[in-house]
Every structure is written in C-alpha cells, then in structure tokens.
C-alpha cells in the first residue's frame, strides 16, 4: 500500500518542500500538488522534483480547460524528466468557480472535455 498526501497550495514553496522532504524521509510515497487560486501546480511540482529523491510527484489536478493537450503532455514530460520518472499526471475539470471566475473560460461539458483531452 502506498502512502499519499496532498500538499496545500497556500503558503510558501520553500516551506512545502521542507515538509515534503521530511515526509519523504518518513516513508511518504506520493505527494499530490493542488492547483486552484494562486501559483500554478507545475511550478511547485518542478521544485519538488529538484529537491526530493524518491517521492512520486502528482498533479491533483491540472484543469483541462486551461491548457492545450500538447501543453499538458509537454508539462508532464518535463516534470517526469526533472524527477527521474516520478511524475504522475492528474487531469480533471476543476470547477466553475475556478475555471470561469479565475480563468474566464466557459465551464461546459466537463466529462466530455476531459475525455477529449485524454484522447
């Protein structure tokens, strides 16, 4: 059984990395990085990749409304390379309050859109 934890998206990057490093030493297998308001998840994922050795780094989630399929693939490939194969790409629709309110993109047909992005 793998031990996983979601890291908060508030607070500083350095504090998050210090927390994950300590949890990695204690046996944490997977850390999920959320994306909502504030900084993007990918920046923290890259920083974690450079500062950890064994923990898998997952996006929980990257919204499909805000990135093209090609950009999502390039992002996952980049974090996977930085982390020596420890990237887990989590995709999803997020919610209307984030997509419409923060990004100004219409939130329509979330399941269909997620399927299309994955295909």
C-alpha atoms as a PDB file:
ATOM      1  CA  UNK A   1       0.000   0.000   0.000  1.00  0.00           C
ATOM      2  CA  UNK A   2       1.327   3.411  -0.960  1.00  0.00           C
ATOM      3  CA  UNK A   3       1.155   6.388   1.357  1.00  0.00           C
ATOM      4  CA  UNK A   4      -0.063   9.573  -0.348  1.00  0.00           C
ATOM      5  CA  UNK A   5      -0.736  13.117   0.798  1.00  0.00           C
ATOM      6  CA  UNK A   6      -1.968  16.303  -0.822  1.00  0.00           C
ATOM      7  CA  UNK A   7       0.218  19.321  -0.184  1.00  0.00           C
ATOM      8  CA  UNK A   8      -1.629  22.585   0.331  1.00  0.00           C
ATOM      9  CA  UNK A   9      -1.473  25.289  -2.304  1.00  0.00           C
ATOM     10  CA  UNK A  10      -1.221  28.086   0.236  1.00  0.00           C
ATOM     11  CA  UNK A  11       1.986  29.029   1.980  1.00  0.00           C
ATOM     12  CA  UNK A  12       5.434  29.188   0.521  1.00  0.00           C
ATOM     13  CA  UNK A  13       7.235  26.882  -1.858  1.00  0.00           C
ATOM     14  CA  UNK A  14      10.227  26.505   0.470  1.00  0.00           C
ATOM     15  CA  UNK A  15       8.002  25.502   3.380  1.00  0.00           C
ATOM     16  CA  UNK A  16       6.164  22.985   1.205  1.00  0.00           C
ATOM     17  CA  UNK A  17       9.433  21.454   0.013  1.00  0.00           C
ATOM     18  CA  UNK A  18      10.765  21.195   3.575  1.00  0.00           C
ATOM     19  CA  UNK A  19       7.541  19.466   4.629  1.00  0.00           C
ATOM     20  CA  UNK A  20       7.665  17.001   1.720  1.00  0.00           C
ATOM     21  CA  UNK A  21      11.369  16.263   2.329  1.00  0.00           C
ATOM     22  CA  UNK A  22      10.580  15.365   5.949  1.00  0.00           C
ATOM     23  CA  UNK A  23       7.608  13.236   4.883  1.00  0.00           C
ATOM     24  CA  UNK A  24       9.731  11.539   2.205  1.00  0.00           C
ATOM     25  CA  UNK A  25      12.251  10.528   4.893  1.00  0.00           C
ATOM     26  CA  UNK A  26       9.343   9.169   6.955  1.00  0.00           C
ATOM     27  CA  UNK A  27       8.153   6.999   4.054  1.00  0.00           C
ATOM     28  CA  UNK A  28       5.725   9.102   2.016  1.00  0.00           C
ATOM     29  CA  UNK A  29       5.307   7.555  -1.436  1.00  0.00           C
ATOM     30  CA  UNK A  30       3.229  10.130  -3.345  1.00  0.00           C
ATOM     31  CA  UNK A  31       2.612  13.845  -2.900  1.00  0.00           C
ATOM     32  CA  UNK A  32      -0.289  15.499  -4.737  1.00  0.00           C
ATOM     33  CA  UNK A  33       0.058  19.165  -5.673  1.00  0.00           C
ATOM     34  CA  UNK A  34      -3.221  21.031  -5.984  1.00  0.00           C
ATOM     35  CA  UNK A  35      -3.949  23.844  -8.403  1.00  0.00           C
ATOM     36  CA  UNK A  36      -6.565  26.437  -7.556  1.00  0.00           C
ATOM     37  CA  UNK A  37      -6.058  30.112  -6.819  1.00  0.00           C
ATOM     38  CA  UNK A  38      -2.510  31.423  -6.520  1.00  0.00           C
ATOM     39  CA  UNK A  39       0.521  29.727  -8.023  1.00  0.00           C
ATOM     40  CA  UNK A  40       0.258  27.028 -10.636  1.00  0.00           C
ATOM     41  CA  UNK A  41       0.823  23.433  -9.533  1.00  0.00           C
ATOM     42  CA  UNK A  42       3.559  22.783 -12.077  1.00  0.00           C
ATOM     43  CA  UNK A  43       5.994  25.292 -10.582  1.00  0.00           C
ATOM     44  CA  UNK A  44       5.816  23.563  -7.203  1.00  0.00           C
ATOM     45  CA  UNK A  45       5.984  20.137  -8.858  1.00  0.00           C
ATOM     46  CA  UNK A  46       9.224  21.111 -10.598  1.00  0.00           C
ATOM     47  CA  UNK A  47      10.702  22.493  -7.398  1.00  0.00           C
ATOM     48  CA  UNK A  48       9.748  19.323  -5.524  1.00  0.00           C
ATOM     49  CA  UNK A  49      11.289  17.222  -8.297  1.00  0.00           C
ATOM     50  CA  UNK A  50      14.593  19.039  -7.881  1.00  0.00           C
ATOM     51  CA  UNK A  51      14.575  18.818  -4.082  1.00  0.00           C
ATOM     52  CA  UNK A  52      13.409  15.234  -3.451  1.00  0.00           C
ATOM     53  CA  UNK A  53      14.693  11.814  -4.421  1.00  0.00           C
ATOM     54  CA  UNK A  54      12.063   9.094  -4.124  1.00  0.00           C
ATOM     55  CA  UNK A  55       8.583  10.542  -3.589  1.00  0.00           C
ATOM     56  CA  UNK A  56       6.325  10.488  -6.638  1.00  0.00           C
ATOM     57  CA  UNK A  57       5.016  13.937  -7.562  1.00  0.00           C
ATOM     58  CA  UNK A  58       1.429  14.101  -8.773  1.00  0.00           C
ATOM     59  CA  UNK A  59      -0.766  16.890 -10.033  1.00  0.00           C
ATOM     60  CA  UNK A  60      -4.047  16.761  -8.235  1.00  0.00           C
ATOM     61  CA  UNK A  61      -5.344  18.085 -10.677  1.00  0.00           C
ATOM     62  CA  UNK A  62      -4.316  20.135 -13.691  1.00  0.00           C
ATOM     63  CA  UNK A  63      -7.512  21.609 -15.143  1.00  0.00           C
ATOM     64  CA  UNK A  64      -8.130  20.606 -18.767  1.00  0.00           C
ATOM     65  CA  UNK A  65      -9.805  23.946 -19.502  1.00  0.00           C
ATOM     66  CA  UNK A  66      -6.637  25.982 -19.038  1.00  0.00           C
ATOM     67  CA  UNK A  67      -4.049  24.061 -21.077  1.00  0.00           C
ATOM     68  CA  UNK A  68      -3.960  22.505 -24.528  1.00  0.00           C
ATOM     69  CA  UNK A  69      -3.406  18.737 -24.847  1.00  0.00           C
ATOM     70  CA  UNK A  70       0.075  19.407 -26.229  1.00  0.00           C
ATOM     71  CA  UNK A  71       0.986  21.672 -23.314  1.00  0.00           C
ATOM     72  CA  UNK A  72      -0.288  19.093 -20.823  1.00  0.00           C
ATOM     73  CA  UNK A  73       1.881  16.413 -22.462  1.00  0.00           C
ATOM     74  CA  UNK A  74       4.927  18.708 -22.546  1.00  0.00           C
ATOM     75  CA  UNK A  75       4.390  19.634 -18.900  1.00  0.00           C
ATOM     76  CA  UNK A  76       4.167  16.013 -17.803  1.00  0.00           C
ATOM     77  CA  UNK A  77       7.254  15.116 -19.836  1.00  0.00           C
ATOM     78  CA  UNK A  78       9.220  17.984 -18.306  1.00  0.00           C
ATOM     79  CA  UNK A  79       8.323  17.168 -14.705  1.00  0.00           C
ATOM     80  CA  UNK A  80       8.895  13.472 -15.396  1.00  0.00           C
ATOM     81  CA  UNK A  81      12.381  14.224 -16.681  1.00  0.00           C
ATOM     82  CA  UNK A  82      13.191  16.532 -13.758  1.00  0.00           C
ATOM     83  CA  UNK A  83      12.036  13.873 -11.305  1.00  0.00           C
ATOM     84  CA  UNK A  84      13.697  10.868 -12.990  1.00  0.00           C
ATOM     85  CA  UNK A  85      10.351   9.273 -13.804  1.00  0.00           C
ATOM     86  CA  UNK A  86       8.436  10.173 -10.633  1.00  0.00           C
ATOM     87  CA  UNK A  87       5.674  12.321 -12.218  1.00  0.00           C
ATOM     88  CA  UNK A  88       2.017  11.352 -12.063  1.00  0.00           C
ATOM     89  CA  UNK A  89      -0.242  13.459 -14.281  1.00  0.00           C
ATOM     90  CA  UNK A  90      -3.649  14.055 -12.731  1.00  0.00           C
ATOM     91  CA  UNK A  91      -6.162  15.720 -15.048  1.00  0.00           C
ATOM     92  CA  UNK A  92      -9.664  16.940 -14.390  1.00  0.00           C
ATOM     93  CA  UNK A  93     -12.253  19.611 -14.952  1.00  0.00           C
ATOM     94  CA  UNK A  94     -11.851  21.568 -11.689  1.00  0.00           C
ATOM     95  CA  UNK A  95     -14.966  23.624 -11.013  1.00  0.00           C
ATOM     96  CA  UNK A  96     -16.806  26.593 -12.478  1.00  0.00           C
ATOM     97  CA  UNK A  97     -15.675  28.948  -9.721  1.00  0.00           C
ATOM     98  CA  UNK A  98     -12.022  28.403 -10.730  1.00  0.00           C
ATOM     99  CA  UNK A  99     -12.434  27.990 -14.498  1.00  0.00           C
ATOM    100  CA  UNK A 100     -14.939  30.780 -15.101  1.00  0.00           C
ATOM    101  CA  UNK A 101     -14.067  33.010 -12.167  1.00  0.00           C
ATOM    102  CA  UNK A 102     -10.282  32.890 -12.348  1.00  0.00           C
ATOM    103  CA  UNK A 103      -9.530  31.944 -15.944  1.00  0.00           C
ATOM    104  CA  UNK A 104     -12.555  33.489 -17.689  1.00  0.00           C
ATOM    105  CA  UNK A 105     -13.219  30.339 -19.708  1.00  0.00           C
ATOM    106  CA  UNK A 106     -16.746  28.874 -20.039  1.00  0.00           C
ATOM    107  CA  UNK A 107     -17.209  25.742 -17.932  1.00  0.00           C
ATOM    108  CA  UNK A 108     -19.162  23.415 -20.208  1.00  0.00           C
ATOM    109  CA  UNK A 109     -19.374  19.620 -20.643  1.00  0.00           C
ATOM    110  CA  UNK A 110     -16.594  18.786 -18.134  1.00  0.00           C
ATOM    111  CA  UNK A 111     -16.654  14.998 -18.611  1.00  0.00           C
ATOM    112  CA  UNK A 112     -16.707  15.233 -22.379  1.00  0.00           C
ATOM    113  CA  UNK A 113     -13.929  17.816 -22.385  1.00  0.00           C
ATOM    114  CA  UNK A 114     -11.747  15.694 -20.110  1.00  0.00           C
ATOM    115  CA  UNK A 115     -12.247  12.659 -22.361  1.00  0.00           C
ATOM    116  CA  UNK A 116     -11.336  14.710 -25.447  1.00  0.00           C
ATOM    117  CA  UNK A 117      -8.149  15.994 -23.841  1.00  0.00           C
ATOM    118  CA  UNK A 118      -7.065  12.500 -22.826  1.00  0.00           C
ATOM    119  CA  UNK A 119      -7.782  11.092 -26.277  1.00  0.00           C
END
